[in-house]
Amino acid sequence: MPEFISNTSPLLYLYRINALNLLSTLCTEVQIPQAVVRELSDGRQRGHDVPDPQRYEWIKIVDPRFISSEWLNLDMGEGELAVLALADEEDTNR
């Protein structure tokens, strides 16, 4: 079971202050959906300094099995929706 599930912003801001590795001292695993990987990749392609999640062994890329259609009406990005779905799945499994 993951200890943390993260969207793009926390990873990006911790990386920018050179503190991303603090997460690995707080937990053994951080799960992110592929949508977050895509958002970071898009930023990198636009010339922004963003982390590459595949360089961190404690970051695991996991996609949710299902995203509620009700959530699609919310003003949220793809990464945020996928993170909510992952968290909902984890809560259901407990």
PDB file of N, CA and C in Angstrom:
ATOM      1  N   MET A   1       0.845  -1.175   0.000  1.00  0.00           N
ATOM      2  CA  MET A   1       0.000   0.000   0.000  1.00  0.00           C
ATOM      3  C   MET A   1       0.900   1.250   0.000  1.00  0.00           C
ATOM      4  N   PRO A   2       0.627   2.202  -0.879  1.00  0.00           N
ATOM      5  CA  PRO A   2       1.479   3.392  -0.913  1.00  0.00           C
ATOM      6  C   PRO A   2       1.270   4.250   0.325  1.00  0.00           C
ATOM      7  N   GLU A   3       2.303   4.943   0.692  1.00  0.00           N
ATOM      8  CA  GLU A   3       2.171   5.875   1.798  1.00  0.00           C
ATOM      9  C   GLU A   3       1.710   7.238   1.309  1.00  0.00           C
ATOM     10  N   PHE A   4       2.080   7.578   0.077  1.00  0.00           N
ATOM     11  CA  PHE A   4       1.689   8.857  -0.512  1.00  0.00           C
ATOM     12  C   PHE A   4       1.258   8.642  -1.954  1.00  0.00           C
ATOM     13  N   ILE A   5       0.314   9.456  -2.384  1.00  0.00           N
ATOM     14  CA  ILE A   5      -0.060   9.560  -3.792  1.00  0.00           C
ATOM     15  C   ILE A   5       0.072  11.036  -4.113  1.00  0.00           C
ATOM     16  N   SER A   6       0.761  11.364  -5.195  1.00  0.00           N
ATOM     17  CA  SER A   6       1.036  12.772  -5.468  1.00  0.00           C
ATOM     18  C   SER A   6       0.613  13.176  -6.870  1.00  0.00           C
ATOM     19  N   ASN A   7       0.193  14.435  -6.977  1.00  0.00           N
ATOM     20  CA  ASN A   7      -0.014  15.001  -8.295  1.00  0.00           C
ATOM     21  C   ASN A   7       1.241  15.790  -8.678  1.00  0.00           C
ATOM     22  N   THR A   8       1.154  16.548  -9.729  1.00  0.00           N
ATOM     23  CA  THR A   8       2.326  17.210 -10.297  1.00  0.00           C
ATOM     24  C   THR A   8       2.911  18.299  -9.399  1.00  0.00           C
ATOM     25  N   SER A   9       2.076  19.148  -8.846  1.00  0.00           N
ATOM     26  CA  SER A   9       2.561  20.332  -8.123  1.00  0.00           C
ATOM     27  C   SER A   9       3.513  20.023  -6.968  1.00  0.00           C
ATOM     28  N   PRO A  10       3.184  19.113  -6.058  1.00  0.00           N
ATOM     29  CA  PRO A  10       4.132  18.857  -4.961  1.00  0.00           C
ATOM     30  C   PRO A  10       5.493  18.368  -5.459  1.00  0.00           C
ATOM     31  N   LEU A  11       5.481  17.503  -6.461  1.00  0.00           N
ATOM     32  CA  LEU A  11       6.752  17.004  -7.010  1.00  0.00           C
ATOM     33  C   LEU A  11       7.550  18.146  -7.637  1.00  0.00           C
ATOM     34  N   LEU A  12       6.872  18.965  -8.398  1.00  0.00           N
ATOM     35  CA  LEU A  12       7.533  20.072  -9.090  1.00  0.00           C
ATOM     36  C   LEU A  12       8.128  21.080  -8.106  1.00  0.00           C
ATOM     37  N   TYR A  13       7.335  21.492  -7.115  1.00  0.00           N
ATOM     38  CA  TYR A  13       7.817  22.517  -6.192  1.00  0.00           C
ATOM     39  C   TYR A  13       8.909  21.996  -5.257  1.00  0.00           C
ATOM     40  N   LEU A  14       8.790  20.763  -4.812  1.00  0.00           N
ATOM     41  CA  LEU A  14       9.872  20.190  -3.999  1.00  0.00           C
ATOM     42  C   LEU A  14      11.150  20.056  -4.814  1.00  0.00           C
ATOM     43  N   TYR A  15      11.012  19.675  -6.062  1.00  0.00           N
ATOM     44  CA  TYR A  15      12.172  19.565  -6.954  1.00  0.00           C
ATOM     45  C   TYR A  15      12.841  20.931  -7.143  1.00  0.00           C
ATOM     46  N   ARG A  16      12.034  21.944  -7.330  1.00  0.00           N
ATOM     47  CA  ARG A  16      12.584  23.279  -7.600  1.00  0.00           C
ATOM     48  C   ARG A  16      13.323  23.878  -6.405  1.00  0.00           C
ATOM     49  N   ILE A  17      12.987  23.439  -5.207  1.00  0.00           N
ATOM     50  CA  ILE A  17      13.734  23.922  -4.041  1.00  0.00           C
ATOM     51  C   ILE A  17      14.763  22.876  -3.584  1.00  0.00           C
ATOM     52  N   ASN A  18      15.037  21.941  -4.480  1.00  0.00           N
ATOM     53  CA  ASN A  18      16.035  20.897  -4.239  1.00  0.00           C
ATOM     54  C   ASN A  18      15.690  20.057  -2.999  1.00  0.00           C
ATOM     55  N   ALA A  19      14.411  19.754  -2.833  1.00  0.00           N
ATOM     56  CA  ALA A  19      13.971  19.010  -1.653  1.00  0.00           C
ATOM     57  C   ALA A  19      13.123  17.784  -2.000  1.00  0.00           C
ATOM     58  N   LEU A  20      13.115  17.387  -3.259  1.00  0.00           N
ATOM     59  CA  LEU A  20      12.285  16.252  -3.658  1.00  0.00           C
ATOM     60  C   LEU A  20      12.671  14.978  -2.913  1.00  0.00           C
ATOM     61  N   ASN A  21      13.944  14.797  -2.659  1.00  0.00           N
ATOM     62  CA  ASN A  21      14.379  13.581  -1.956  1.00  0.00           C
ATOM     63  C   ASN A  21      13.903  13.521  -0.510  1.00  0.00           C
ATOM     64  N   LEU A  22      13.400  14.628   0.015  1.00  0.00           N
ATOM     65  CA  LEU A  22      12.819  14.576   1.363  1.00  0.00           C
ATOM     66  C   LEU A  22      11.660  13.585   1.430  1.00  0.00           C
ATOM     67  N   LEU A  23      10.941  13.444   0.324  1.00  0.00           N
ATOM     68  CA  LEU A  23       9.831  12.492   0.310  1.00  0.00           C
ATOM     69  C   LEU A  23      10.311  11.072   0.601  1.00  0.00           C
ATOM     70  N   SER A  24      11.482  10.728   0.094  1.00  0.00           N
ATOM     71  CA  SER A  24      11.996   9.368   0.318  1.00  0.00           C
ATOM     72  C   SER A  24      12.414   9.149   1.763  1.00  0.00           C
ATOM     73  N   THR A  25      12.608  10.220   2.511  1.00  0.00           N
ATOM     74  CA  THR A  25      12.907  10.061   3.937  1.00  0.00           C
ATOM     75  C   THR A  25      11.630   9.971   4.769  1.00  0.00           C
ATOM     76  N   LEU A  26      10.525  10.415   4.188  1.00  0.00           N
ATOM     77  CA  LEU A  26       9.243  10.390   4.884  1.00  0.00           C
ATOM     78  C   LEU A  26       8.425   9.131   4.600  1.00  0.00           C
ATOM     79  N   CYS A  27       8.709   8.492   3.470  1.00  0.00           N
ATOM     80  CA  CYS A  27       7.938   7.307   3.092  1.00  0.00           C
ATOM     81  C   CYS A  27       8.780   6.396   2.219  1.00  0.00           C
ATOM     82  N   THR A  28       8.308   5.192   2.043  1.00  0.00           N
ATOM     83  CA  THR A  28       9.046   4.241   1.214  1.00  0.00           C
ATOM     84  C   THR A  28       8.591   4.260  -0.234  1.00  0.00           C
ATOM     85  N   GLU A  29       7.387   4.793  -0.487  1.00  0.00           N
ATOM     86  CA  GLU A  29       6.865   4.800  -1.853  1.00  0.00           C
ATOM     87  C   GLU A  29       5.914   5.972  -2.058  1.00  0.00           C
ATOM     88  N   VAL A  30       6.048   6.583  -3.224  1.00  0.00           N
ATOM     89  CA  VAL A  30       5.102   7.601  -3.677  1.00  0.00           C
ATOM     90  C   VAL A  30       4.538   7.107  -4.998  1.00  0.00           C
ATOM     91  N   GLN A  31       3.219   7.031  -5.081  1.00  0.00           N
ATOM     92  CA  GLN A  31       2.592   6.623  -6.334  1.00  0.00           C
ATOM     93  C   GLN A  31       2.136   7.854  -7.098  1.00  0.00           C
ATOM     94  N   ILE A  32       2.355   7.808  -8.406  1.00  0.00           N
ATOM     95  CA  ILE A  32       1.857   8.849  -9.292  1.00  0.00           C
ATOM     96  C   ILE A  32       1.235   8.172 -10.511  1.00  0.00           C
ATOM     97  N   PRO A  33       0.178   8.745 -11.050  1.00  0.00           N
ATOM     98  CA  PRO A  33      -0.401   8.188 -12.275  1.00  0.00           C
ATOM     99  C   PRO A  33       0.382   8.645 -13.507  1.00  0.00           C
ATOM    100  N   GLN A  34       0.190   7.932 -14.592  1.00  0.00           N
ATOM    101  CA  GLN A  34       0.847   8.275 -15.852  1.00  0.00           C
ATOM    102  C   GLN A  34       0.500   9.696 -16.288  1.00  0.00           C
ATOM    103  N   ALA A  35      -0.671  10.178 -15.931  1.00  0.00           N
ATOM    104  CA  ALA A  35      -1.062  11.543 -16.285  1.00  0.00           C
ATOM    105  C   ALA A  35      -0.094  12.564 -15.686  1.00  0.00           C
ATOM    106  N   VAL A  36       0.410  12.306 -14.488  1.00  0.00           N
ATOM    107  CA  VAL A  36       1.389  13.197 -13.857  1.00  0.00           C
ATOM    108  C   VAL A  36       2.711  13.125 -14.621  1.00  0.00           C
ATOM    109  N   VAL A  37       3.093  11.932 -15.028  1.00  0.00           N
ATOM    110  CA  VAL A  37       4.316  11.774 -15.825  1.00  0.00           C
ATOM    111  C   VAL A  37       4.193  12.579 -17.116  1.00  0.00           C
ATOM    112  N   ARG A  38       3.026  12.519 -17.756  1.00  0.00           N
ATOM    113  CA  ARG A  38       2.809  13.284 -18.989  1.00  0.00           C
ATOM    114  C   ARG A  38       2.883  14.789 -18.738  1.00  0.00           C
ATOM    115  N   GLU A  39       2.281  15.251 -17.644  1.00  0.00           N
ATOM    116  CA  GLU A  39       2.331  16.682 -17.339  1.00  0.00           C
ATOM    117  C   GLU A  39       3.769  17.151 -17.129  1.00  0.00           C
ATOM    118  N   LEU A  40       4.554  16.363 -16.423  1.00  0.00           N
ATOM    119  CA  LEU A  40       5.962  16.725 -16.216  1.00  0.00           C
ATOM    120  C   LEU A  40       6.722  16.688 -17.535  1.00  0.00           C
ATOM    121  N   SER A  41       6.464  15.697 -18.344  1.00  0.00           N
ATOM    122  CA  SER A  41       7.115  15.587 -19.651  1.00  0.00           C
ATOM    123  C   SER A  41       6.761  16.771 -20.542  1.00  0.00           C
ATOM    124  N   ASP A  42       5.499  17.183 -20.521  1.00  0.00           N
ATOM    125  CA  ASP A  42       5.082  18.356 -21.293  1.00  0.00           C
ATOM    126  C   ASP A  42       5.850  19.597 -20.847  1.00  0.00           C
ATOM    127  N   GLY A  43       6.011  19.764 -19.542  1.00  0.00           N
ATOM    128  CA  GLY A  43       6.775  20.894 -19.022  1.00  0.00           C
ATOM    129  C   GLY A  43       8.224  20.855 -19.474  1.00  0.00           C
ATOM    130  N   ARG A  44       8.822  19.661 -19.459  1.00  0.00           N
ATOM    131  CA  ARG A  44      10.212  19.495 -19.892  1.00  0.00           C
ATOM    132  C   ARG A  44      10.346  19.867 -21.369  1.00  0.00           C
ATOM    133  N   GLN A  45       9.391  19.434 -22.192  1.00  0.00           N
ATOM    134  CA  GLN A  45       9.428  19.746 -23.622  1.00  0.00           C
ATOM    135  C   GLN A  45       9.285  21.243 -23.884  1.00  0.00           C
ATOM    136  N   ARG A  46       8.641  21.939 -22.959  1.00  0.00           N
ATOM    137  CA  ARG A  46       8.502  23.399 -23.090  1.00  0.00           C
ATOM    138  C   ARG A  46       9.700  24.147 -22.518  1.00  0.00           C
ATOM    139  N   GLY A  47      10.687  23.404 -22.044  1.00  0.00           N
ATOM    140  CA  GLY A  47      11.918  24.022 -21.565  1.00  0.00           C
ATOM    141  C   GLY A  47      11.979  24.272 -20.077  1.00  0.00           C
ATOM    142  N   HIS A  48      11.014  23.765 -19.320  1.00  0.00           N
ATOM    143  CA  HIS A  48      11.010  23.956 -17.874  1.00  0.00           C
ATOM    144  C   HIS A  48      11.877  22.902 -17.189  1.00  0.00           C
ATOM    145  N   ASP A  49      12.448  23.279 -16.087  1.00  0.00           N
ATOM    146  CA  ASP A  49      13.251  22.365 -15.271  1.00  0.00           C
ATOM    147  C   ASP A  49      12.306  21.593 -14.356  1.00  0.00           C
ATOM    148  N   VAL A  50      12.030  20.348 -14.726  1.00  0.00           N
ATOM    149  CA  VAL A  50      11.088  19.516 -13.974  1.00  0.00           C
ATOM    150  C   VAL A  50      11.738  18.168 -13.676  1.00  0.00           C
ATOM    151  N   PRO A  51      11.287  17.495 -12.630  1.00  0.00           N
ATOM    152  CA  PRO A  51      11.868  16.189 -12.310  1.00  0.00           C
ATOM    153  C   PRO A  51      11.445  15.114 -13.307  1.00  0.00           C
ATOM    154  N   ASP A  52      12.296  14.119 -13.458  1.00  0.00           N
ATOM    155  CA  ASP A  52      11.966  12.930 -14.235  1.00  0.00           C
ATOM    156  C   ASP A  52      11.640  11.836 -13.226  1.00  0.00           C
ATOM    157  N   PRO A  53      10.366  11.504 -13.039  1.00  0.00           N
ATOM    158  CA  PRO A  53       9.988  10.552 -11.993  1.00  0.00           C
ATOM    159  C   PRO A  53      10.639   9.181 -12.141  1.00  0.00           C
ATOM    160  N   GLN A  54      11.026   8.828 -13.339  1.00  0.00           N
ATOM    161  CA  GLN A  54      11.639   7.516 -13.549  1.00  0.00           C
ATOM    162  C   GLN A  54      13.059   7.436 -12.990  1.00  0.00           C
ATOM    163  N   ARG A  55      13.619   8.560 -12.600  1.00  0.00           N
ATOM    164  CA  ARG A  55      14.959   8.575 -11.996  1.00  0.00           C
ATOM    165  C   ARG A  55      14.927   8.297 -10.496  1.00  0.00           C
ATOM    166  N   TYR A  56      13.755   8.217  -9.919  1.00  0.00           N
ATOM    167  CA  TYR A  56      13.617   8.022  -8.475  1.00  0.00           C
ATOM    168  C   TYR A  56      12.992   6.653  -8.222  1.00  0.00           C
ATOM    169  N   GLU A  57      13.760   5.767  -7.621  1.00  0.00           N
ATOM    170  CA  GLU A  57      13.275   4.398  -7.437  1.00  0.00           C
ATOM    171  C   GLU A  57      12.079   4.311  -6.494  1.00  0.00           C
ATOM    172  N   TRP A  58      11.876   5.285  -5.667  1.00  0.00           N
ATOM    173  CA  TRP A  58      10.776   5.269  -4.700  1.00  0.00           C
ATOM    174  C   TRP A  58       9.485   5.866  -5.278  1.00  0.00           C
ATOM    175  N   ILE A  59       9.543   6.385  -6.500  1.00  0.00           N
ATOM    176  CA  ILE A  59       8.335   6.852  -7.184  1.00  0.00           C
ATOM    177  C   ILE A  59       7.851   5.734  -8.098  1.00  0.00           C
ATOM    178  N   LYS A  60       6.614   5.314  -7.883  1.00  0.00           N
ATOM    179  CA  LYS A  60       6.017   4.246  -8.678  1.00  0.00           C
ATOM    180  C   LYS A  60       4.892   4.818  -9.532  1.00  0.00           C
ATOM    181  N   ILE A  61       4.884   4.461 -10.796  1.00  0.00           N
ATOM    182  CA  ILE A  61       3.856   4.932 -11.712  1.00  0.00           C
ATOM    183  C   ILE A  61       2.733   3.896 -11.735  1.00  0.00           C
ATOM    184  N   VAL A  62       1.558   4.326 -11.278  1.00  0.00           N
ATOM    185  CA  VAL A  62       0.401   3.447 -11.162  1.00  0.00           C
ATOM    186  C   VAL A  62      -0.829   4.210 -11.646  1.00  0.00           C
ATOM    187  N   ASP A  63      -1.562   3.603 -12.550  1.00  0.00           N
ATOM    188  CA  ASP A  63      -2.786   4.252 -13.032  1.00  0.00           C
ATOM    189  C   ASP A  63      -4.005   3.727 -12.293  1.00  0.00           C
ATOM    190  N   PRO A  64      -4.982   4.586 -12.098  1.00  0.00           N
ATOM    191  CA  PRO A  64      -6.233   4.114 -11.484  1.00  0.00           C
ATOM    192  C   PRO A  64      -6.958   3.187 -12.450  1.00  0.00           C
ATOM    193  N   ARG A  65      -7.753   2.314 -11.894  1.00  0.00           N
ATOM    194  CA  ARG A  65      -8.552   1.410 -12.728  1.00  0.00           C
ATOM    195  C   ARG A  65      -9.759   2.125 -13.311  1.00  0.00           C
ATOM    196  N   PHE A  66     -10.218   3.179 -12.615  1.00  0.00           N
ATOM    197  CA  PHE A  66     -11.486   3.810 -12.991  1.00  0.00           C
ATOM    198  C   PHE A  66     -11.480   5.262 -12.520  1.00  0.00           C
ATOM    199  N   ILE A  67     -11.972   6.148 -13.352  1.00  0.00           N
ATOM    200  CA  ILE A  67     -12.193   7.545 -12.957  1.00  0.00           C
ATOM    201  C   ILE A  67     -13.688   7.820 -13.100  1.00  0.00           C
ATOM    202  N   SER A  68     -14.304   8.226 -12.024  1.00  0.00           N
ATOM    203  CA  SER A  68     -15.746   8.476 -12.014  1.00  0.00           C
ATOM    204  C   SER A  68     -16.116   9.540 -13.038  1.00  0.00           C
ATOM    205  N   SER A  69     -17.142   9.268 -13.812  1.00  0.00           N
ATOM    206  CA  SER A  69     -17.597  10.241 -14.815  1.00  0.00           C
ATOM    207  C   SER A  69     -18.093  11.528 -14.152  1.00  0.00           C
ATOM    208  N   GLU A  70     -18.553  11.436 -12.909  1.00  0.00           N
ATOM    209  CA  GLU A  70     -18.997  12.630 -12.187  1.00  0.00           C
ATOM    210  C   GLU A  70     -17.853  13.614 -11.983  1.00  0.00           C
ATOM    211  N   TRP A  71     -16.642  13.097 -11.824  1.00  0.00           N
ATOM    212  CA  TRP A  71     -15.488  13.952 -11.581  1.00  0.00           C
ATOM    213  C   TRP A  71     -15.054  14.709 -12.833  1.00  0.00           C
ATOM    214  N   LEU A  72     -15.419  14.218 -14.001  1.00  0.00           N
ATOM    215  CA  LEU A  72     -14.982  14.851 -15.247  1.00  0.00           C
ATOM    216  C   LEU A  72     -15.561  16.250 -15.409  1.00  0.00           C
ATOM    217  N   ASN A  73     -16.638  16.552 -14.696  1.00  0.00           N
ATOM    218  CA  ASN A  73     -17.242  17.891 -14.743  1.00  0.00           C
ATOM    219  C   ASN A  73     -16.524  18.884 -13.837  1.00  0.00           C
ATOM    220  N   LEU A  74     -15.634  18.402 -12.991  1.00  0.00           N
ATOM    221  CA  LEU A  74     -14.890  19.282 -12.088  1.00  0.00           C
ATOM    222  C   LEU A  74     -13.808  20.024 -12.861  1.00  0.00           C
ATOM    223  N   ASP A  75     -13.455  21.172 -12.390  1.00  0.00           N
ATOM    224  CA  ASP A  75     -12.409  21.966 -13.033  1.00  0.00           C
ATOM    225  C   ASP A  75     -11.045  21.482 -12.540  1.00  0.00           C
ATOM    226  N   MET A  76     -10.661  20.287 -13.000  1.00  0.00           N
ATOM    227  CA  MET A  76      -9.400  19.685 -12.573  1.00  0.00           C
ATOM    228  C   MET A  76      -8.663  19.150 -13.789  1.00  0.00           C
ATOM    229  N   GLY A  77      -7.355  19.109 -13.662  1.00  0.00           N
ATOM    230  CA  GLY A  77      -6.534  18.559 -14.720  1.00  0.00           C
ATOM    231  C   GLY A  77      -6.548  17.038 -14.701  1.00  0.00           C
ATOM    232  N   GLU A  78      -6.005  16.466 -15.761  1.00  0.00           N
ATOM    233  CA  GLU A  78      -5.967  15.012 -15.898  1.00  0.00           C
ATOM    234  C   GLU A  78      -5.202  14.357 -14.748  1.00  0.00           C
ATOM    235  N   GLY A  79      -4.087  14.961 -14.356  1.00  0.00           N
ATOM    236  CA  GLY A  79      -3.298  14.414 -13.252  1.00  0.00           C
ATOM    237  C   GLY A  79      -4.037  14.440 -11.934  1.00  0.00           C
ATOM    238  N   GLU A  80      -4.703  15.541 -11.659  1.00  0.00           N
ATOM    239  CA  GLU A  80      -5.466  15.662 -10.412  1.00  0.00           C
ATOM    240  C   GLU A  80      -6.597  14.638 -10.354  1.00  0.00           C
ATOM    241  N   LEU A  81      -7.292  14.453 -11.464  1.00  0.00           N
ATOM    242  CA  LEU A  81      -8.369  13.463 -11.499  1.00  0.00           C
ATOM    243  C   LEU A  81      -7.839  12.050 -11.270  1.00  0.00           C
ATOM    244  N   ALA A  82      -6.714  11.733 -11.897  1.00  0.00           N
ATOM    245  CA  ALA A  82      -6.136  10.397 -11.739  1.00  0.00           C
ATOM    246  C   ALA A  82      -5.654  10.168 -10.306  1.00  0.00           C
ATOM    247  N   VAL A  83      -5.105  11.198  -9.676  1.00  0.00           N
ATOM    248  CA  VAL A  83      -4.663  11.079  -8.282  1.00  0.00           C
ATOM    249  C   VAL A  83      -5.863  10.840  -7.366  1.00  0.00           C
ATOM    250  N   LEU A  84      -6.939  11.579  -7.572  1.00  0.00           N
ATOM    251  CA  LEU A  84      -8.152  11.364  -6.778  1.00  0.00           C
ATOM    252  C   LEU A  84      -8.674   9.940  -6.941  1.00  0.00           C
ATOM    253  N   ALA A  85      -8.653   9.448  -8.166  1.00  0.00           N
ATOM    254  CA  ALA A  85      -9.133   8.088  -8.422  1.00  0.00           C
ATOM    255  C   ALA A  85      -8.244   7.058  -7.721  1.00  0.00           C
ATOM    256  N   LEU A  86      -6.919   7.263  -7.762  1.00  0.00           N
ATOM    257  CA  LEU A  86      -6.010   6.351  -7.046  1.00  0.00           C
ATOM    258  C   LEU A  86      -6.279   6.372  -5.548  1.00  0.00           C
ATOM    259  N   ALA A  87      -6.446   7.557  -5.010  1.00  0.00           N
ATOM    260  CA  ALA A  87      -6.708   7.675  -3.573  1.00  0.00           C
ATOM    261  C   ALA A  87      -8.036   7.022  -3.210  1.00  0.00           C
ATOM    262  N   ASP A  88      -9.031   7.184  -4.059  1.00  0.00           N
ATOM    263  CA  ASP A  88     -10.330   6.566  -3.811  1.00  0.00           C
ATOM    264  C   ASP A  88     -10.214   5.047  -3.830  1.00  0.00           C
ATOM    265  N   GLU A  89      -9.430   4.510  -4.756  1.00  0.00           N
ATOM    266  CA  GLU A  89      -9.220   3.056  -4.817  1.00  0.00           C
ATOM    267  C   GLU A  89      -8.520   2.562  -3.562  1.00  0.00           C
ATOM    268  N   GLU A  90      -7.519   3.301  -3.093  1.00  0.00           N
ATOM    269  CA  GLU A  90      -6.796   2.898  -1.885  1.00  0.00           C
ATOM    270  C   GLU A  90      -7.715   2.920  -0.680  1.00  0.00           C
ATOM    271  N   ASP A  91      -8.554   3.957  -0.599  1.00  0.00           N
ATOM    272  CA  ASP A  91      -9.497   4.062   0.514  1.00  0.00           C
ATOM    273  C   ASP A  91     -10.489   2.903   0.485  1.00  0.00           C
ATOM    274  N   THR A  92     -10.939   2.536  -0.692  1.00  0.00           N
ATOM    275  CA  THR A  92     -11.881   1.428  -0.836  1.00  0.00           C
ATOM    276  C   THR A  92     -11.248   0.099  -0.450  1.00  0.00           C
ATOM    277  N   ASN A  93      -9.955  -0.047  -0.710  1.00  0.00           N
ATOM    278  CA  ASN A  93      -9.242  -1.302  -0.400  1.00  0.00           C
ATOM    279  C   ASN A  93      -8.910  -1.464   1.076  1.00  0.00           C
ATOM    280  N   ARG A  94      -9.084  -0.434   1.861  1.00  0.00           N
ATOM    281  CA  ARG A  94      -8.728  -0.522   3.290  1.00  0.00           C
ATOM    282  C   ARG A  94      -9.826  -1.130   4.100  1.00  0.00           C
TER     283      ARG A  94
END
